[in-house]
Protein backbone atom coordinates (compact mmCIF):
# COMPACT_ATOMS: atom_id res chain seq x y z
CA MET A 1 94.48 86.22 170.53
CA ASN A 2 92.09 84.29 168.96
CA LYS A 3 90.67 87.59 167.64
CA VAL A 4 93.26 88.86 166.45
CA PHE A 5 94.31 86.22 164.34
CA GLY A 6 90.53 85.47 163.02
CA ILE A 7 90.86 89.02 161.52
CA VAL A 8 94.16 89.03 160.60
CA PRO A 9 92.35 86.56 157.66
CA ILE A 10 90.19 89.26 156.68
CA VAL A 11 91.59 92.14 157.60
CA MET A 12 93.66 90.21 153.99
CA LYS A 13 91.60 88.86 152.21
CA VAL A 14 90.44 93.08 152.09
CA LEU A 15 94.24 94.63 151.21
CA LEU A 16 93.92 91.67 147.95
CA GLY A 17 90.49 92.35 147.10
CA LEU A 18 91.70 95.96 146.97
CA VAL A 19 94.84 95.51 145.49
CA PHE A 20 92.17 94.01 141.87
CA ILE A 21 90.42 96.83 142.45
CA ALA A 22 93.66 99.27 141.92
CA SER A 23 94.76 97.22 139.43
CA ALA A 24 91.44 97.80 137.13
CA ILE A 25 91.15 100.95 137.92
CA LEU A 26 94.03 102.06 136.68
CA LYS A 27 93.68 100.03 133.66
CA VAL A 28 90.98 101.80 133.05
CA VAL A 29 92.63 104.91 133.07
CA GLY A 30 95.04 103.54 130.81
CA MET A 31 92.32 101.29 128.18
CA ASP A 32 94.23 102.96 125.45
CA GLN A 33 96.95 101.87 125.84
CA PHE A 34 95.39 98.13 127.43
CA GLU A 35 93.82 97.98 124.26
CA ILE A 36 96.97 98.12 122.37
CA TYR A 37 98.93 95.70 124.23
CA ILE A 38 95.45 92.81 124.00
CA TYR A 39 95.61 93.63 120.19
CA SER A 40 99.14 92.64 120.02
CA TYR A 41 99.22 89.05 120.35
CA HIS A 42 97.06 88.97 118.11
CA PHE A 43 95.08 86.56 119.19
CA PHE A 44 91.18 88.86 118.57
CA SER A 45 90.79 91.37 115.37
CA LEU A 46 91.63 94.79 117.45
CA ASN A 47 87.07 96.03 117.89
CA THR A 48 87.67 92.36 119.47
CA SER A 49 90.39 93.40 121.46
CA PHE A 50 88.67 96.61 122.75
CA LEU A 51 85.41 94.08 124.49
CA VAL A 52 88.06 91.84 125.59
CA ALA A 53 90.05 94.21 127.92
CA ARG A 54 87.29 95.56 129.43
CA ALA A 55 86.32 92.14 130.16
CA ALA A 56 88.84 91.67 132.09
CA ILE A 57 88.82 94.74 133.69
CA ILE A 58 85.48 94.01 134.93
CA VAL A 59 86.12 90.59 136.08
CA GLU A 60 88.95 91.80 137.59
CA LEU A 61 86.64 94.20 139.30
CA VAL A 62 84.09 91.79 140.07
CA LEU A 63 86.67 89.34 141.67
CA GLY A 64 87.66 92.52 144.07
CA ILE A 65 84.10 93.56 144.65
CA GLY A 66 84.03 90.25 146.06
CA LEU A 67 86.49 89.48 148.08
CA VAL A 68 86.48 93.04 149.54
CA SER A 69 82.41 91.99 150.78
CA ASN A 70 83.60 88.47 152.60
CA THR A 71 80.32 86.46 150.55
CA LEU A 72 80.26 83.39 148.41
CA HIS A 73 84.31 83.27 149.75
CA LYS A 74 84.99 79.32 147.88
CA PHE A 75 83.72 81.22 144.48
CA TYR A 76 85.80 83.88 144.66
CA TRP A 77 88.74 82.36 146.15
CA TRP A 78 89.05 80.18 142.89
CA GLY A 79 88.23 83.25 140.64
CA SER A 80 90.84 84.85 141.50
CA MET A 81 93.41 81.64 141.80
CA LEU A 82 92.38 80.95 137.36
CA MET A 83 92.36 84.44 137.36
CA LEU A 84 96.39 85.10 138.50
CA LEU A 85 96.93 81.58 136.37
CA GLY A 86 95.14 82.99 133.20
CA TYR A 87 97.94 85.99 133.58
CA SER A 88 100.35 84.50 134.41
CA LEU A 89 100.05 81.43 131.17
CA LEU A 90 100.24 85.47 129.41
CA LEU A 91 102.55 86.09 130.75
CA ILE A 92 104.52 83.40 130.32
CA TYR A 93 103.44 83.20 126.29
CA ALA A 94 104.77 86.66 126.17
CA LEU A 95 108.16 85.62 127.93
CA HIS A 96 108.51 82.69 125.21
CA LEU A 97 108.27 85.65 122.18
CA GLY A 98 110.95 88.10 124.07
CA ARG A 99 108.37 90.43 125.51
CA THR A 100 110.10 92.54 128.01
CA ASP A 101 107.88 95.93 127.69
CA ASN A 102 105.28 96.42 130.17
CA CYS A 103 102.55 93.94 131.18
CA HIS A 104 100.01 97.12 131.94
CA CYS A 105 98.47 95.06 135.48
CA PHE A 106 98.36 98.22 137.02
CA GLY A 107 97.91 100.41 133.84
CA ASP A 108 101.02 102.96 132.28
CA VAL A 109 101.09 104.10 136.36
CA LEU A 110 103.04 101.21 138.20
CA GLN A 111 105.02 100.05 135.12
CA PHE A 112 105.75 95.36 135.20
CA ASP A 113 107.55 93.57 132.90
CA PRO A 114 106.97 90.21 132.18
CA LYS A 115 109.33 88.91 134.31
CA GLN A 116 107.82 91.01 136.92
CA SER A 117 104.52 90.86 136.48
CA LEU A 118 104.79 86.69 136.83
CA VAL A 119 106.81 87.51 140.07
CA LYS A 120 103.96 89.28 141.82
CA ASN A 121 101.56 87.65 140.29
CA GLY A 122 103.56 83.74 142.52
CA VAL A 123 103.37 86.87 145.92
CA LEU A 124 99.02 87.35 145.19
CA ALA A 125 99.19 83.49 144.69
CA LEU A 126 101.32 82.99 147.92
CA LEU A 127 99.19 85.12 150.22
CA PHE A 128 95.59 83.89 148.68
CA LEU A 129 96.32 80.21 149.44
CA PRO A 130 96.08 79.65 153.03
CA LEU A 131 92.53 82.37 152.62
CA TYR A 132 91.16 78.83 151.68
CA TRP A 133 90.34 77.66 154.44
CA MET A 134 89.36 80.75 156.34
CA GLY A 135 85.17 82.01 156.64
CA GLU A 136 82.45 83.85 154.75
CA TRP A 137 79.84 86.68 156.01
CA GLU A 138 76.65 84.31 155.77
CA THR A 139 74.33 86.71 154.12
CA ARG A 140 71.42 85.76 152.18
CA TYR A 141 71.68 88.35 149.77
CA ARG A 142 75.62 87.59 148.16
CA TRP A 143 74.23 86.29 144.59
CA LEU A 144 72.33 89.44 144.81
CA ILE A 145 75.71 90.67 145.45
CA PHE A 146 77.91 89.19 143.07
CA GLY A 147 74.45 90.39 140.69
CA ALA A 148 75.08 94.16 141.84
CA ALA A 149 79.17 94.17 141.61
CA VAL A 150 78.87 92.46 137.71
CA VAL A 151 75.65 95.21 136.20
CA VAL A 152 77.57 98.56 138.23
CA SER A 153 80.93 96.98 137.30
CA THR A 154 80.47 96.51 133.56
CA VAL A 155 78.50 100.06 133.41
CA ALA A 156 80.36 101.35 134.97
CA VAL A 157 83.54 100.86 132.65
CA PHE A 158 81.69 101.47 129.44
CA LEU A 159 80.64 104.57 130.62
CA ILE A 160 83.50 105.62 131.10
CA SER A 161 85.06 104.07 128.79
CA PRO A 162 82.92 103.31 125.69
CA PRO A 163 84.91 101.41 122.99
CA ASP A 164 86.00 103.04 120.09
CA ASN A 165 83.83 100.85 117.15
CA TYR A 166 80.38 102.16 119.10
CA THR A 167 81.17 105.58 120.21
CA PRO A 168 80.94 108.41 117.18
CA SER A 169 84.40 108.59 116.85
CA TYR A 170 84.34 105.56 114.79
CA THR A 171 82.92 106.79 111.70
CA ALA A 172 84.91 107.95 108.91
CA GLU A 173 87.09 111.43 109.36
CA HIS A 174 86.93 113.98 107.16
CA ASN A 175 89.75 116.73 108.06
CA LEU A 176 91.58 116.17 105.28
CA GLN A 177 92.59 118.88 102.59
CA VAL A 178 92.49 117.03 100.06
CA GLU A 179 93.33 119.64 97.25
CA LEU A 180 96.26 121.30 99.93
CA PHE A 181 97.34 117.71 100.52
CA ASP A 182 97.90 116.55 96.50
CA GLU A 183 100.06 120.15 96.80
CA ILE A 184 101.84 119.59 99.70
CA LEU A 185 102.61 115.98 97.56
CA ASP A 186 104.90 117.89 95.57
CA ASP A 187 106.61 120.21 98.07
CA ALA A 188 109.93 119.46 99.46
CA PRO A 189 110.77 116.98 101.29
CA LEU A 190 107.78 114.55 100.48
CA ASP A 191 108.70 115.52 96.40
CA SER A 192 111.24 113.19 96.19
CA LEU A 193 109.61 110.17 97.89
CA ASN A 194 107.78 109.13 94.96
CA LEU A 195 104.28 109.17 97.06
CA ARG A 196 102.29 109.11 93.71
CA GLU A 197 103.21 105.99 92.24
CA GLY A 198 101.48 102.09 94.14
CA LYS A 199 99.95 102.35 97.69
CA GLN A 200 101.75 104.66 100.33
CA VAL A 201 100.37 105.13 103.52
CA VAL A 202 101.03 109.23 104.79
CA CYS A 203 100.97 109.81 108.84
CA PHE A 204 101.25 113.48 109.98
CA PHE A 205 101.99 113.32 113.71
CA SER A 206 103.49 115.59 115.99
CA THR A 207 106.03 114.37 118.14
CA GLY A 208 104.90 115.22 121.30
CA CYS A 209 100.97 113.73 120.26
CA GLU A 210 100.35 111.00 122.85
CA PHE A 211 97.58 109.79 120.59
CA CYS A 212 99.78 109.76 117.80
CA GLN A 213 102.24 107.56 119.28
CA MET A 214 99.32 104.91 120.20
CA ALA A 215 97.95 105.13 116.75
CA ALA A 216 101.62 105.12 115.35
CA HIS A 217 101.61 101.65 117.74
CA LYS A 218 98.79 100.54 115.81
CA LEU A 219 100.03 100.75 113.16
CA SER A 220 102.85 98.98 112.70
CA LEU A 221 101.59 96.39 114.54
CA MET A 222 99.05 95.72 111.08
CA GLN A 223 101.94 96.08 108.56
CA GLN A 224 103.52 93.69 110.46
CA TYR A 225 101.09 91.74 110.90
CA TYR A 226 99.23 91.76 107.31
CA GLY A 227 102.83 92.03 106.02
CA PHE A 228 102.16 95.81 104.10
CA PRO A 229 105.81 97.00 102.31
CA ALA A 230 107.13 99.18 105.72
CA ASP A 231 108.78 101.33 103.16
CA ARG A 232 105.58 102.08 102.06
CA ILE A 233 105.12 104.15 104.96
CA ILE A 234 105.95 107.39 106.35
CA TYR A 235 106.04 109.44 108.57
CA VAL A 236 105.28 113.06 108.51
CA PHE A 237 106.00 114.78 111.97
CA MET A 238 105.55 118.68 113.27
CA GLY A 239 108.15 119.29 115.31
CA THR A 240 111.57 118.60 116.25
CA GLU A 241 114.43 115.64 115.67
CA GLU A 242 115.17 115.02 119.18
CA GLY A 243 111.26 115.03 119.34
CA ILE A 244 111.42 111.80 116.58
CA ASP A 245 113.48 109.82 118.61
CA LYS A 246 111.45 110.25 121.59
CA PHE A 247 108.36 109.49 119.55
CA TYR A 248 109.74 106.02 118.61
CA GLU A 249 110.70 105.58 121.48
CA LYS A 250 107.18 106.17 123.05
CA SER A 251 105.32 104.90 120.59
CA GLU A 252 106.66 101.76 120.16
CA SER A 253 106.59 101.52 116.08
CA VAL A 254 108.86 100.58 114.05
CA ARG A 255 111.56 103.18 112.89
CA TYR A 256 109.59 104.07 108.69
CA SER A 257 110.93 106.92 106.85
CA ASN A 258 110.56 110.03 108.07
CA VAL A 259 110.22 113.35 107.76
CA LEU A 260 110.43 116.88 109.22
CA TYR A 261 108.10 119.57 107.91
CA THR A 262 109.34 122.63 109.12
CA ASP A 263 106.32 124.95 107.25
CA VAL A 264 103.73 124.12 110.29
CA VAL A 265 101.24 126.45 109.06
CA ARG A 266 100.61 124.78 105.96
CA LEU A 267 101.17 121.22 107.99
CA ILE A 268 97.96 121.90 109.86
CA LYS A 269 95.61 123.80 107.53
CA VAL A 270 96.02 120.18 104.77
CA ILE A 271 95.11 118.29 108.14
CA ASN A 272 92.15 120.60 109.67
CA GLY A 273 94.47 120.28 112.66
CA SER A 274 93.94 116.87 112.88
CA PHE A 275 96.69 115.42 114.85
CA PRO A 276 96.56 111.79 114.28
CA THR A 277 95.22 111.61 110.40
CA ILE A 278 96.39 108.73 108.41
CA VAL A 279 95.92 108.85 104.47
CA PHE A 280 95.67 105.47 103.09
CA MET A 281 96.81 106.14 99.54
CA GLU A 282 97.05 104.25 95.95
CA ASN A 283 98.63 106.41 92.95
CA GLY A 284 98.33 109.80 94.37
CA GLU A 285 94.57 109.87 95.22
CA PRO A 286 93.28 109.50 99.51
CA ILE A 287 91.41 106.26 99.40
CA HIS A 288 91.18 106.15 103.33
CA GLU A 289 91.82 108.42 105.92
CA TYR A 290 91.43 108.56 109.82
CA GLY A 291 92.40 109.38 112.85
CA PHE A 292 93.43 107.01 116.38
CA ARG A 293 89.48 106.08 117.41
CA SER A 294 88.44 105.68 113.42
CA MET A 295 90.83 103.12 112.75
CA LYS A 296 88.99 100.28 110.95
CA GLU A 297 91.04 96.90 111.04
CA GLU A 298 88.89 95.22 108.19
CA GLU A 299 89.58 98.43 106.18
CA ILE A 300 92.90 98.29 106.79
CA LYS A 301 93.25 95.02 106.42
CA ALA A 302 91.91 95.09 102.89
CA PHE A 303 94.33 97.75 101.21
CA PHE A 304 97.28 96.37 103.70
CA THR A 305 96.73 92.41 101.53
CA THR A 306 95.32 93.59 98.14
CA ARG A 307 97.72 93.99 95.36
């Protein structure tokens, strides 16, 4: 009987470690969304949010591996409790802001709002409490295991999902066919929008494109944060009217003015088939051109805040 009771804490600790590992892996799978979630609080710049998102995942992976290894017990126990506390404080802040969106604790696979995630963290903390007094595998390689966990987790996360600002796709994209773009500004329905006057942002999206949805979410966060006039942003869609409604729902974007461009062939030629394409323009002249992964916050901030 004593052996059974001795095994139970070890099994529980391993299971909790596997929960952390699974949570980290699911975050990596949904990294693009997790980055935007981190950025949405505006604690960090967009580039820093890329790194913070990966750091959070690495910490979770290292803790999970450490719990499973049953080494450095008190170190990993305190680390796990502090991580749960940190996430819980963020969730309390999210509730203060009135947010009800997915907190991405298990990526996009299992969706928890802040209240549900707080309950989940409370349950995990209660399960951790009685484990404080259990023993550990005393091996002289315990710090080597820790170091290996840090190195392997860091390398794996950055290899599987390198930050956008460290990849070739972060350079300026040049898919826009400028002459064709200039022509469609005079085509219906764009001709009635006065897009040649002052600063404008024209976004070419396909309603079913996931990266278009994330780009719209990212852009709307910047627009709201920097106070750029919402009526100077226009979404040009390829798709259907029903698809537009679903796009706004899935993207969590502000509902900017939008048009459905029905000449699909012409639209694809304008952007060289690259969705999304976001064009920042002034007095009818393109100034910046971005895809989802090449959006540069400093350039966008300068465009949004310079009158």
